[in-house]
PDB file of N, CA and C in Angstrom:
ATOM      1  N   MET A   1     100.389  89.699  77.280  1.00  0.00           N
ATOM      2  CA  MET A   1      98.994  90.778  77.519  1.00  0.00           C
ATOM      3  C   MET A   1      98.765  91.447  76.175  1.00  0.00           C
ATOM      4  N   ASN A   2      97.781  91.748  75.945  1.00  0.00           N
ATOM      5  CA  ASN A   2      97.395  92.744  74.951  1.00  0.00           C
ATOM      6  C   ASN A   2      97.389  94.226  75.668  1.00  0.00           C
ATOM      7  N   ALA A   3      98.102  95.000  74.703  1.00  0.00           N
ATOM      8  CA  ALA A   3      98.195  96.300  75.348  1.00  0.00           C
ATOM      9  C   ALA A   3      96.989  97.124  75.039  1.00  0.00           C
ATOM     10  N   GLN A   4      96.246  96.927  74.222  1.00  0.00           N
ATOM     11  CA  GLN A   4      94.869  97.347  73.799  1.00  0.00           C
ATOM     12  C   GLN A   4      93.916  97.141  74.631  1.00  0.00           C
ATOM     13  N   GLU A   5      93.860  96.398  75.502  1.00  0.00           N
ATOM     14  CA  GLU A   5      92.898  96.055  76.314  1.00  0.00           C
ATOM     15  C   GLU A   5      93.048  96.964  77.757  1.00  0.00           C
ATOM     16  N   ARG A   6      94.225  97.369  77.517  1.00  0.00           N
ATOM     17  CA  ARG A   6      94.593  98.552  78.870  1.00  0.00           C
ATOM     18  C   ARG A   6      93.841 100.050  78.758  1.00  0.00           C
ATOM     19  N   LEU A   7      93.638 100.156  77.526  1.00  0.00           N
ATOM     20  CA  LEU A   7      93.061 101.627  77.092  1.00  0.00           C
ATOM     21  C   LEU A   7      91.682 101.824  77.094  1.00  0.00           C
ATOM     22  N   PRO A   8      91.454 103.274  77.143  1.00  0.00           N
ATOM     23  CA  PRO A   8      92.145 104.363  77.019  1.00  0.00           C
ATOM     24  C   PRO A   8      93.079 104.614  78.374  1.00  0.00           C
ATOM     25  N   LEU A   9      94.020 105.205  78.826  1.00  0.00           N
ATOM     26  CA  LEU A   9      94.516 105.583  79.888  1.00  0.00           C
ATOM     27  C   LEU A   9      94.360 106.835  80.396  1.00  0.00           C
ATOM     28  N   THR A  10      94.230 107.383  81.677  1.00  0.00           N
ATOM     29  CA  THR A  10      93.736 108.445  82.231  1.00  0.00           C
ATOM     30  C   THR A  10      95.219 109.725  81.516  1.00  0.00           C
ATOM     31  N   GLU A  11      94.882 110.632  81.834  1.00  0.00           N
ATOM     32  CA  GLU A  11      95.822 111.619  81.448  1.00  0.00           C
ATOM     33  C   GLU A  11      97.043 111.693  82.144  1.00  0.00           C
ATOM     34  N   THR A  12      96.627 111.464  83.378  1.00  0.00           N
ATOM     35  CA  THR A  12      97.579 111.408  84.464  1.00  0.00           C
ATOM     36  C   THR A  12      98.579 110.363  84.435  1.00  0.00           C
ATOM     37  N   THR A  13      97.649 108.929  84.005  1.00  0.00           N
ATOM     38  CA  THR A  13      98.729 107.780  83.796  1.00  0.00           C
ATOM     39  C   THR A  13      99.585 108.058  82.751  1.00  0.00           C
ATOM     40  N   LEU A  14      98.901 108.623  81.634  1.00  0.00           N
ATOM     41  CA  LEU A  14      99.674 108.652  80.479  1.00  0.00           C
ATOM     42  C   LEU A  14     100.934 109.489  80.288  1.00  0.00           C
ATOM     43  N   PHE A  15     100.699 110.809  81.147  1.00  0.00           N
ATOM     44  CA  PHE A  15     101.808 111.801  81.493  1.00  0.00           C
ATOM     45  C   PHE A  15     102.954 110.949  82.408  1.00  0.00           C
ATOM     46  N   ILE A  16     102.332 110.327  83.095  1.00  0.00           N
ATOM     47  CA  ILE A  16     103.270 109.497  84.210  1.00  0.00           C
ATOM     48  C   ILE A  16     104.245 108.796  83.196  1.00  0.00           C
ATOM     49  N   LEU A  17     103.493 107.838  82.440  1.00  0.00           N
ATOM     50  CA  LEU A  17     104.307 106.613  81.693  1.00  0.00           C
ATOM     51  C   LEU A  17     105.390 107.340  80.459  1.00  0.00           C
ATOM     52  N   LEU A  18     104.959 108.582  80.183  1.00  0.00           N
ATOM     53  CA  LEU A  18     105.731 109.498  78.918  1.00  0.00           C
ATOM     54  C   LEU A  18     106.855 110.003  79.762  1.00  0.00           C
ATOM     55  N   GLY A  19     106.642 110.412  81.165  1.00  0.00           N
ATOM     56  CA  GLY A  19     107.610 110.937  81.652  1.00  0.00           C
ATOM     57  C   GLY A  19     108.848 110.016  81.954  1.00  0.00           C
ATOM     58  N   LEU A  20     108.493 108.838  81.976  1.00  0.00           N
ATOM     59  CA  LEU A  20     109.515 107.604  82.019  1.00  0.00           C
ATOM     60  C   LEU A  20     109.880 107.009  80.863  1.00  0.00           C
ATOM     61  N   SER A  21     109.308 107.336  79.729  1.00  0.00           N
ATOM     62  CA  SER A  21     109.858 106.908  78.152  1.00  0.00           C
ATOM     63  C   SER A  21     111.100 107.277  78.269  1.00  0.00           C
ATOM     64  N   PRO A  22     111.732 108.462  78.429  1.00  0.00           N
ATOM     65  CA  PRO A  22     113.132 108.677  77.755  1.00  0.00           C
ATOM     66  C   PRO A  22     114.378 107.811  78.985  1.00  0.00           C
ATOM     67  N   GLY A  23     113.670 107.427  80.216  1.00  0.00           N
ATOM     68  CA  GLY A  23     114.669 106.839  81.135  1.00  0.00           C
ATOM     69  C   GLY A  23     114.199 106.773  82.418  1.00  0.00           C
ATOM     70  N   PRO A  24     114.689 105.932  83.362  1.00  0.00           N
ATOM     71  CA  PRO A  24     114.531 105.832  84.662  1.00  0.00           C
ATOM     72  C   PRO A  24     114.467 107.413  85.648  1.00  0.00           C
ATOM     73  N   LYS A  25     113.432 107.365  86.676  1.00  0.00           N
ATOM     74  CA  LYS A  25     113.304 108.877  87.082  1.00  0.00           C
ATOM     75  C   LYS A  25     112.792 108.540  88.671  1.00  0.00           C
ATOM     76  N   HIS A  26     113.433 109.190  89.269  1.00  0.00           N
ATOM     77  CA  HIS A  26     112.889 109.156  90.693  1.00  0.00           C
ATOM     78  C   HIS A  26     111.468 110.072  91.064  1.00  0.00           C
ATOM     79  N   GLY A  27     110.765 109.892  92.151  1.00  0.00           N
ATOM     80  CA  GLY A  27     109.709 110.129  92.323  1.00  0.00           C
ATOM     81  C   GLY A  27     109.525 111.906  92.186  1.00  0.00           C
ATOM     82  N   TYR A  28     110.394 112.566  92.864  1.00  0.00           N
ATOM     83  CA  TYR A  28     110.069 113.959  92.384  1.00  0.00           C
ATOM     84  C   TYR A  28     110.360 114.441  91.010  1.00  0.00           C
ATOM     85  N   ALA A  29     111.471 113.688  90.123  1.00  0.00           N
ATOM     86  CA  ALA A  29     111.563 114.013  89.173  1.00  0.00           C
ATOM     87  C   ALA A  29     110.475 113.653  88.318  1.00  0.00           C
ATOM     88  N   ILE A  30     109.874 112.706  88.555  1.00  0.00           N
ATOM     89  CA  ILE A  30     108.326 112.193  87.708  1.00  0.00           C
ATOM     90  C   ILE A  30     107.195 113.457  88.056  1.00  0.00           C
ATOM     91  N   MET A  31     107.227 113.971  89.217  1.00  0.00           N
ATOM     92  CA  MET A  31     106.392 114.809  89.260  1.00  0.00           C
ATOM     93  C   MET A  31     106.536 116.080  88.559  1.00  0.00           C
ATOM     94  N   LYS A  32     107.849 116.500  88.595  1.00  0.00           N
ATOM     95  CA  LYS A  32     108.196 117.724  87.779  1.00  0.00           C
ATOM     96  C   LYS A  32     108.040 117.648  86.299  1.00  0.00           C
ATOM     97  N   GLU A  33     108.294 116.259  85.943  1.00  0.00           N
ATOM     98  CA  GLU A  33     108.118 115.880  84.581  1.00  0.00           C
ATOM     99  C   GLU A  33     106.590 115.967  83.694  1.00  0.00           C
ATOM    100  N   VAL A  34     105.773 115.611  84.741  1.00  0.00           N
ATOM    101  CA  VAL A  34     104.050 115.772  84.631  1.00  0.00           C
ATOM    102  C   VAL A  34     103.733 116.956  84.545  1.00  0.00           C
ATOM    103  N   GLU A  35     104.300 117.531  85.087  1.00  0.00           N
ATOM    104  CA  GLU A  35     103.938 118.897  85.386  1.00  0.00           C
ATOM    105  C   GLU A  35     104.354 119.802  83.946  1.00  0.00           C
ATOM    106  N   ALA A  36     105.553 119.700  83.589  1.00  0.00           N
ATOM    107  CA  ALA A  36     105.960 120.300  82.515  1.00  0.00           C
ATOM    108  C   ALA A  36     105.590 119.697  81.147  1.00  0.00           C
ATOM    109  N   LEU A  37     105.141 118.415  81.374  1.00  0.00           N
ATOM    110  CA  LEU A  37     104.615 118.060  79.906  1.00  0.00           C
ATOM    111  C   LEU A  37     103.104 118.467  79.797  1.00  0.00           C
ATOM    112  N   SER A  38     102.466 118.506  80.905  1.00  0.00           N
ATOM    113  CA  SER A  38     101.089 118.847  80.832  1.00  0.00           C
ATOM    114  C   SER A  38     100.627 120.438  81.001  1.00  0.00           C
ATOM    115  N   ASP A  39     101.840 121.152  80.823  1.00  0.00           N
ATOM    116  CA  ASP A  39     102.127 122.680  80.593  1.00  0.00           C
ATOM    117  C   ASP A  39     101.551 123.261  81.871  1.00  0.00           C
ATOM    118  N   GLY A  40     101.631 122.402  82.994  1.00  0.00           N
ATOM    119  CA  GLY A  40     101.233 122.755  84.265  1.00  0.00           C
ATOM    120  C   GLY A  40      99.480 122.214  84.546  1.00  0.00           C
ATOM    121  N   ARG A  41      98.981 121.735  83.687  1.00  0.00           N
ATOM    122  CA  ARG A  41      97.594 121.331  84.089  1.00  0.00           C
ATOM    123  C   ARG A  41      97.540 120.389  85.078  1.00  0.00           C
ATOM    124  N   ILE A  42      98.410 119.234  85.397  1.00  0.00           N
ATOM    125  CA  ILE A  42      98.758 118.442  86.334  1.00  0.00           C
ATOM    126  C   ILE A  42      99.540 118.425  87.339  1.00  0.00           C
ATOM    127  N   THR A  43      99.363 118.916  88.548  1.00  0.00           N
ATOM    128  CA  THR A  43     100.165 118.810  89.736  1.00  0.00           C
ATOM    129  C   THR A  43      99.869 117.758  90.573  1.00  0.00           C
ATOM    130  N   LEU A  44     100.753 116.836  90.705  1.00  0.00           N
ATOM    131  CA  LEU A  44     100.404 115.472  91.366  1.00  0.00           C
ATOM    132  C   LEU A  44     101.210 115.833  92.994  1.00  0.00           C
ATOM    133  N   SER A  45     100.246 115.400  93.874  1.00  0.00           N
ATOM    134  CA  SER A  45     100.967 115.380  95.556  1.00  0.00           C
ATOM    135  C   SER A  45     101.316 114.240  95.339  1.00  0.00           C
ATOM    136  N   THR A  46     102.048 113.984  96.518  1.00  0.00           N
ATOM    137  CA  THR A  46     102.966 112.713  96.876  1.00  0.00           C
ATOM    138  C   THR A  46     102.159 111.710  96.905  1.00  0.00           C
ATOM    139  N   GLY A  47     101.013 111.778  97.381  1.00  0.00           N
ATOM    140  CA  GLY A  47     100.063 110.574  97.600  1.00  0.00           C
ATOM    141  C   GLY A  47      99.491 110.216  96.529  1.00  0.00           C
ATOM    142  N   THR A  48      99.131 110.877  95.627  1.00  0.00           N
ATOM    143  CA  THR A  48      98.554 110.478  94.000  1.00  0.00           C
ATOM    144  C   THR A  48      99.608 110.127  93.493  1.00  0.00           C
ATOM    145  N   LEU A  49     100.687 110.482  93.416  1.00  0.00           N
ATOM    146  CA  LEU A  49     102.211 110.131  92.506  1.00  0.00           C
ATOM    147  C   LEU A  49     102.569 108.607  93.157  1.00  0.00           C
ATOM    148  N   TYR A  50     102.668 108.368  94.039  1.00  0.00           N
ATOM    149  CA  TYR A  50     102.616 107.002  94.653  1.00  0.00           C
ATOM    150  C   TYR A  50     101.787 106.059  94.734  1.00  0.00           C
ATOM    151  N   GLY A  51     100.638 106.337  94.728  1.00  0.00           N
ATOM    152  CA  GLY A  51      99.329 105.529  94.746  1.00  0.00           C
ATOM    153  C   GLY A  51      99.555 105.061  93.252  1.00  0.00           C
ATOM    154  N   ALA A  52      99.749 105.780  92.258  1.00  0.00           N
ATOM    155  CA  ALA A  52      99.770 105.604  90.473  1.00  0.00           C
ATOM    156  C   ALA A  52     100.936 104.729  90.424  1.00  0.00           C
ATOM    157  N   LEU A  53     102.313 104.783  90.870  1.00  0.00           N
ATOM    158  CA  LEU A  53     103.153 104.063  90.846  1.00  0.00           C
ATOM    159  C   LEU A  53     103.092 102.859  91.399  1.00  0.00           C
ATOM    160  N   LYS A  54     102.496 102.716  92.632  1.00  0.00           N
ATOM    161  CA  LYS A  54     102.401 101.784  93.185  1.00  0.00           C
ATOM    162  C   LYS A  54     101.322 100.079  91.964  1.00  0.00           C
ATOM    163  N   ARG A  55     100.014 101.403  91.554  1.00  0.00           N
ATOM    164  CA  ARG A  55      99.251 100.524  90.683  1.00  0.00           C
ATOM    165  C   ARG A  55      99.851 100.128  89.676  1.00  0.00           C
ATOM    166  N   LEU A  56     100.739 100.843  88.781  1.00  0.00           N
ATOM    167  CA  LEU A  56     101.696 100.802  87.915  1.00  0.00           C
ATOM    168  C   LEU A  56     102.639  99.500  87.880  1.00  0.00           C
ATOM    169  N   LEU A  57     103.856  99.532  89.330  1.00  0.00           N
ATOM    170  CA  LEU A  57     104.296  98.300  89.492  1.00  0.00           C
ATOM    171  C   LEU A  57     103.666  97.408  89.951  1.00  0.00           C
ATOM    172  N   ASP A  58     102.243  97.563  90.325  1.00  0.00           N
ATOM    173  CA  ASP A  58     101.330  96.216  90.368  1.00  0.00           C
ATOM    174  C   ASP A  58     101.363  95.259  89.219  1.00  0.00           C
ATOM    175  N   GLY A  59     100.792  96.416  88.140  1.00  0.00           N
ATOM    176  CA  GLY A  59     100.184  95.866  86.870  1.00  0.00           C
ATOM    177  C   GLY A  59     101.784  95.171  86.041  1.00  0.00           C
ATOM    178  N   GLY A  60     102.785  95.665  86.326  1.00  0.00           N
ATOM    179  CA  GLY A  60     103.974  95.570  85.637  1.00  0.00           C
ATOM    180  C   GLY A  60     104.132  96.367  84.343  1.00  0.00           C
ATOM    181  N   TRP A  61     103.744  97.364  84.519  1.00  0.00           N
ATOM    182  CA  TRP A  61     104.072  98.552  83.553  1.00  0.00           C
ATOM    183  C   TRP A  61     105.467  99.189  83.656  1.00  0.00           C
ATOM    184  N   ILE A  62     105.843  99.267  85.113  1.00  0.00           N
ATOM    185  CA  ILE A  62     107.012 100.103  85.602  1.00  0.00           C
ATOM    186  C   ILE A  62     107.725  99.137  86.332  1.00  0.00           C
ATOM    187  N   GLU A  63     109.005  99.441  86.650  1.00  0.00           N
ATOM    188  CA  GLU A  63     109.528  98.512  87.577  1.00  0.00           C
ATOM    189  C   GLU A  63     110.640  99.404  88.314  1.00  0.00           C
ATOM    190  N   ARG A  64     110.930  99.219  89.648  1.00  0.00           N
ATOM    191  CA  ARG A  64     111.851 100.076  90.636  1.00  0.00           C
ATOM    192  C   ARG A  64     113.338  99.395  90.029  1.00  0.00           C
ATOM    193  N   VAL A  65     113.889 100.363  89.999  1.00  0.00           N
ATOM    194  CA  VAL A  65     115.661 100.337  89.724  1.00  0.00           C
ATOM    195  C   VAL A  65     116.211 101.043  90.798  1.00  0.00           C
ATOM    196  N   ASP A  66     117.609 100.794  90.687  1.00  0.00           N
ATOM    197  CA  ASP A  66     118.524 101.212  92.059  1.00  0.00           C
ATOM    198  C   ASP A  66     118.865 102.715  91.190  1.00  0.00           C
ATOM    199  N   ASP A  67     118.822 103.482  91.955  1.00  0.00           N
ATOM    200  CA  ASP A  67     119.607 104.866  91.876  1.00  0.00           C
ATOM    201  C   ASP A  67     120.496 105.106  92.994  1.00  0.00           C
ATOM    202  N   THR A  68     121.612 105.430  92.350  1.00  0.00           N
ATOM    203  CA  THR A  68     122.843 105.272  93.231  1.00  0.00           C
ATOM    204  C   THR A  68     123.111 106.899  94.269  1.00  0.00           C
ATOM    205  N   ALA A  69     122.054 107.731  93.671  1.00  0.00           N
ATOM    206  CA  ALA A  69     122.742 108.919  94.197  1.00  0.00           C
ATOM    207  C   ALA A  69     121.439 109.322  95.492  1.00  0.00           C
ATOM    208  N   PRO A  70     121.929 109.855  96.327  1.00  0.00           N
ATOM    209  CA  PRO A  70     121.117 109.772  97.511  1.00  0.00           C
ATOM    210  C   PRO A  70     120.359 110.898  97.485  1.00  0.00           C
ATOM    211  N   GLY A  71     119.258 110.917  98.050  1.00  0.00           N
ATOM    212  CA  GLY A  71     118.342 112.121  98.125  1.00  0.00           C
ATOM    213  C   GLY A  71     118.868 113.065  99.004  1.00  0.00           C
ATOM    214  N   ASP A  72     117.885 114.196  99.281  1.00  0.00           N
ATOM    215  CA  ASP A  72     118.489 115.437 100.188  1.00  0.00           C
ATOM    216  C   ASP A  72     118.717 114.579 101.398  1.00  0.00           C
ATOM    217  N   ASN A  73     117.703 113.748 101.783  1.00  0.00           N
ATOM    218  CA  ASN A  73     117.858 113.538 103.349  1.00  0.00           C
ATOM    219  C   ASN A  73     119.195 112.485 103.758  1.00  0.00           C
ATOM    220  N   GLY A  74     119.949 111.994 102.487  1.00  0.00           N
ATOM    221  CA  GLY A  74     121.067 111.096 102.650  1.00  0.00           C
ATOM    222  C   GLY A  74     120.466 109.402 102.225  1.00  0.00           C
ATOM    223  N   ARG A  75     118.985 109.419 102.288  1.00  0.00           N
ATOM    224  CA  ARG A  75     118.751 108.233 101.895  1.00  0.00           C
ATOM    225  C   ARG A  75     118.704 107.623 100.511  1.00  0.00           C
ATOM    226  N   GLU A  76     118.596 106.464 100.297  1.00  0.00           N
ATOM    227  CA  GLU A  76     118.284 106.208  98.589  1.00  0.00           C
ATOM    228  C   GLU A  76     117.338 106.457  98.281  1.00  0.00           C
ATOM    229  N   ARG A  77     117.337 106.972  96.987  1.00  0.00           N
ATOM    230  CA  ARG A  77     115.940 107.258  96.260  1.00  0.00           C
ATOM    231  C   ARG A  77     115.462 106.047  95.841  1.00  0.00           C
ATOM    232  N   LYS A  78     114.255 106.064  95.208  1.00  0.00           N
ATOM    233  CA  LYS A  78     113.739 105.019  94.586  1.00  0.00           C
ATOM    234  C   LYS A  78     113.444 105.223  93.189  1.00  0.00           C
ATOM    235  N   ALA A  79     114.016 104.787  92.098  1.00  0.00           N
ATOM    236  CA  ALA A  79     113.943 105.042  90.630  1.00  0.00           C
ATOM    237  C   ALA A  79     112.764 104.083  90.057  1.00  0.00           C
ATOM    238  N   TYR A  80     112.332 104.515  89.066  1.00  0.00           N
ATOM    239  CA  TYR A  80     111.298 103.810  88.200  1.00  0.00           C
ATOM    240  C   TYR A  80     111.516 103.809  86.685  1.00  0.00           C
ATOM    241  N   ARG A  81     111.528 102.758  86.256  1.00  0.00           N
ATOM    242  CA  ARG A  81     111.326 102.920  84.618  1.00  0.00           C
ATOM    243  C   ARG A  81     110.479 102.154  84.051  1.00  0.00           C
ATOM    244  N   LEU A  82     110.036 102.323  82.615  1.00  0.00           N
ATOM    245  CA  LEU A  82     109.164 101.581  82.170  1.00  0.00           C
ATOM    246  C   LEU A  82     109.352  99.915  81.758  1.00  0.00           C
ATOM    247  N   THR A  83     108.862  99.065  81.700  1.00  0.00           N
ATOM    248  CA  THR A  83     108.814  97.919  81.584  1.00  0.00           C
ATOM    249  C   THR A  83     108.849  97.549  79.873  1.00  0.00           C
ATOM    250  N   GLU A  84     109.107  96.565  79.457  1.00  0.00           N
ATOM    251  CA  GLU A  84     108.674  96.366  77.975  1.00  0.00           C
ATOM    252  C   GLU A  84     106.947  96.313  77.717  1.00  0.00           C
ATOM    253  N   LEU A  85     106.030  95.931  78.601  1.00  0.00           N
ATOM    254  CA  LEU A  85     104.853  95.944  78.876  1.00  0.00           C
ATOM    255  C   LEU A  85     104.277  97.507  78.606  1.00  0.00           C
ATOM    256  N   GLY A  86     104.809  98.539  79.952  1.00  0.00           N
ATOM    257  CA  GLY A  86     104.690  99.869  79.796  1.00  0.00           C
ATOM    258  C   GLY A  86     105.084 100.455  78.540  1.00  0.00           C
ATOM    259  N   GLN A  87     105.775  99.996  78.034  1.00  0.00           N
ATOM    260  CA  GLN A  87     106.417 100.690  76.699  1.00  0.00           C
ATOM    261  C   GLN A  87     105.389 100.364  75.567  1.00  0.00           C
ATOM    262  N   ARG A  88     105.040  99.238  75.499  1.00  0.00           N
ATOM    263  CA  ARG A  88     104.188  98.749  74.590  1.00  0.00           C
ATOM    264  C   ARG A  88     102.694  99.660  74.773  1.00  0.00           C
ATOM    265  N   ILE A  89     102.475  99.851  76.393  1.00  0.00           N
ATOM    266  CA  ILE A  89     101.302 100.340  76.234  1.00  0.00           C
ATOM    267  C   ILE A  89     101.151 101.790  76.019  1.00  0.00           C
ATOM    268  N   VAL A  90     102.141 102.433  76.407  1.00  0.00           N
ATOM    269  CA  VAL A  90     102.274 103.628  75.917  1.00  0.00           C
ATOM    270  C   VAL A  90     102.342 103.966  74.174  1.00  0.00           C
ATOM    271  N   SER A  91     102.810 103.074  73.479  1.00  0.00           N
ATOM    272  CA  SER A  91     103.005 102.949  72.238  1.00  0.00           C
ATOM    273  C   SER A  91     101.426 103.083  71.647  1.00  0.00           C
ATOM    274  N   ALA A  92     100.456 102.138  72.064  1.00  0.00           N
ATOM    275  CA  ALA A  92      99.572 101.858  71.784  1.00  0.00           C
ATOM    276  C   ALA A  92      98.325 102.975  72.164  1.00  0.00           C
ATOM    277  N   GLU A  93      98.707 103.680  73.291  1.00  0.00           N
ATOM    278  CA  GLU A  93      98.006 104.754  73.622  1.00  0.00           C
ATOM    279  C   GLU A  93      98.162 106.025  72.406  1.00  0.00           C
ATOM    280  N   ILE A  94      99.291 106.054  72.220  1.00  0.00           N
ATOM    281  CA  ILE A  94      99.746 107.201  71.198  1.00  0.00           C
ATOM    282  C   ILE A  94      99.082 106.844  69.997  1.00  0.00           C
ATOM    283  N   ALA A  95      99.177 105.542  69.426  1.00  0.00           N
ATOM    284  CA  ALA A  95      98.342 105.514  68.332  1.00  0.00           C
ATOM    285  C   ALA A  95      97.085 105.695  68.370  1.00  0.00           C
ATOM    286  N   ARG A  96      96.610 105.528  69.390  1.00  0.00           N
ATOM    287  CA  ARG A  96      94.889 105.376  69.671  1.00  0.00           C
ATOM    288  C   ARG A  96      94.522 107.252  69.390  1.00  0.00           C
ATOM    289  N   LEU A  97      95.317 107.765  70.031  1.00  0.00           N
ATOM    290  CA  LEU A  97      95.086 109.167  70.415  1.00  0.00           C
ATOM    291  C   LEU A  97      95.450 109.562  68.853  1.00  0.00           C
ATOM    292  N   GLN A  98      96.204 109.559  68.218  1.00  0.00           N
ATOM    293  CA  GLN A  98      96.538 109.842  66.792  1.00  0.00           C
ATOM    294  C   GLN A  98      95.313 109.106  65.833  1.00  0.00           C
ATOM    295  N   ARG A  99      94.715 108.297  65.854  1.00  0.00           N
ATOM    296  CA  ARG A  99      93.465 107.936  64.962  1.00  0.00           C
ATOM    297  C   ARG A  99      92.290 108.857  65.329  1.00  0.00           C
ATOM    298  N   VAL A 100      92.353 109.311  66.986  1.00  0.00           N
ATOM    299  CA  VAL A 100      91.275 109.991  67.308  1.00  0.00           C
ATOM    300  C   VAL A 100      91.662 111.420  66.571  1.00  0.00           C
ATOM    301  N   VAL A 101      92.698 112.152  66.655  1.00  0.00           N
ATOM    302  CA  VAL A 101      93.031 113.376  66.391  1.00  0.00           C
ATOM    303  C   VAL A 101      92.828 113.196  64.456  1.00  0.00           C
ATOM    304  N   ALA A 102      93.091 112.075  63.843  1.00  0.00           N
ATOM    305  CA  ALA A 102      92.824 112.251  62.218  1.00  0.00           C
ATOM    306  C   ALA A 102      91.375 112.163  62.219  1.00  0.00           C
ATOM    307  N   THR A 103      90.781 111.382  63.095  1.00  0.00           N
ATOM    308  CA  THR A 103      88.920 111.523  62.899  1.00  0.00           C
ATOM    309  C   THR A 103      88.681 112.718  63.181  1.00  0.00           C
ATOM    310  N   ALA A 104      88.876 113.392  63.961  1.00  0.00           N
ATOM    311  CA  ALA A 104      88.370 114.746  64.328  1.00  0.00           C
ATOM    312  C   ALA A 104      88.798 115.627  63.225  1.00  0.00           C
ATOM    313  N   GLN A 105      89.888 115.623  62.725  1.00  0.00           N
ATOM    314  CA  GLN A 105      90.345 116.539  61.749  1.00  0.00           C
ATOM    315  C   GLN A 105      89.775 116.320  60.430  1.00  0.00           C
ATOM    316  N   GLN A 106      89.286 115.023  59.976  1.00  0.00           N
ATOM    317  CA  GLN A 106      88.602 114.684  58.961  1.00  0.00           C
ATOM    318  C   GLN A 106      87.089 115.357  59.025  1.00  0.00           C
ATOM    319  N   ARG A 107      86.639 115.149  60.377  1.00  0.00           N
ATOM    320  CA  ARG A 107      85.384 115.793  60.467  1.00  0.00           C
ATOM    321  C   ARG A 107      85.145 117.473  60.426  1.00  0.00           C
ATOM    322  N   GLN A 108      86.470 118.057  60.969  1.00  0.00           N
ATOM    323  CA  GLN A 108      86.468 119.325  60.877  1.00  0.00           C
ATOM    324  C   GLN A 108      86.497 120.203  59.678  1.00  0.00           C
ATOM    325  N   VAL A 109      87.070 119.320  58.611  1.00  0.00           N
ATOM    326  CA  VAL A 109      87.200 119.822  57.283  1.00  0.00           C
ATOM    327  C   VAL A 109      86.235 120.383  56.808  1.00  0.00           C
ATOM    328  N   GLY A 110      84.918 119.985  56.749  1.00  0.00           N
ATOM    329  CA  GLY A 110      83.707 120.214  56.345  1.00  0.00           C
ATOM    330  C   GLY A 110      82.996 121.563  57.448  1.00  0.00           C
ATOM    331  N   VAL A 111      83.596 121.902  58.156  1.00  0.00           N
ATOM    332  CA  VAL A 111      83.150 122.869  59.002  1.00  0.00           C
ATOM    333  C   VAL A 111      83.272 123.993  58.486  1.00  0.00           C
TER     334      VAL A 111
END
């Protein structure tokens, strides 16, 4: 699958994938990471987050992994991590955004 075909990503999707780039996280950690990465611009409700995670799971961009630490309610938490496809998509989106910024900077020089 060509990662370019999946671009551009929404800002929310990009931040979810970036939040998972360092390694697996459970839902609440993803929510907090997205909020931090976006400087508070994006605050996800649980419904929005889990809807997005389902879509990313179905697309093969992320996968569920075992999280051995129980949640606050004693139940096992679900953790997620990027798949190889998800990593390729994040890399392709970063490259796309870098090209956009470079073009914008070139245009701004004459302003």
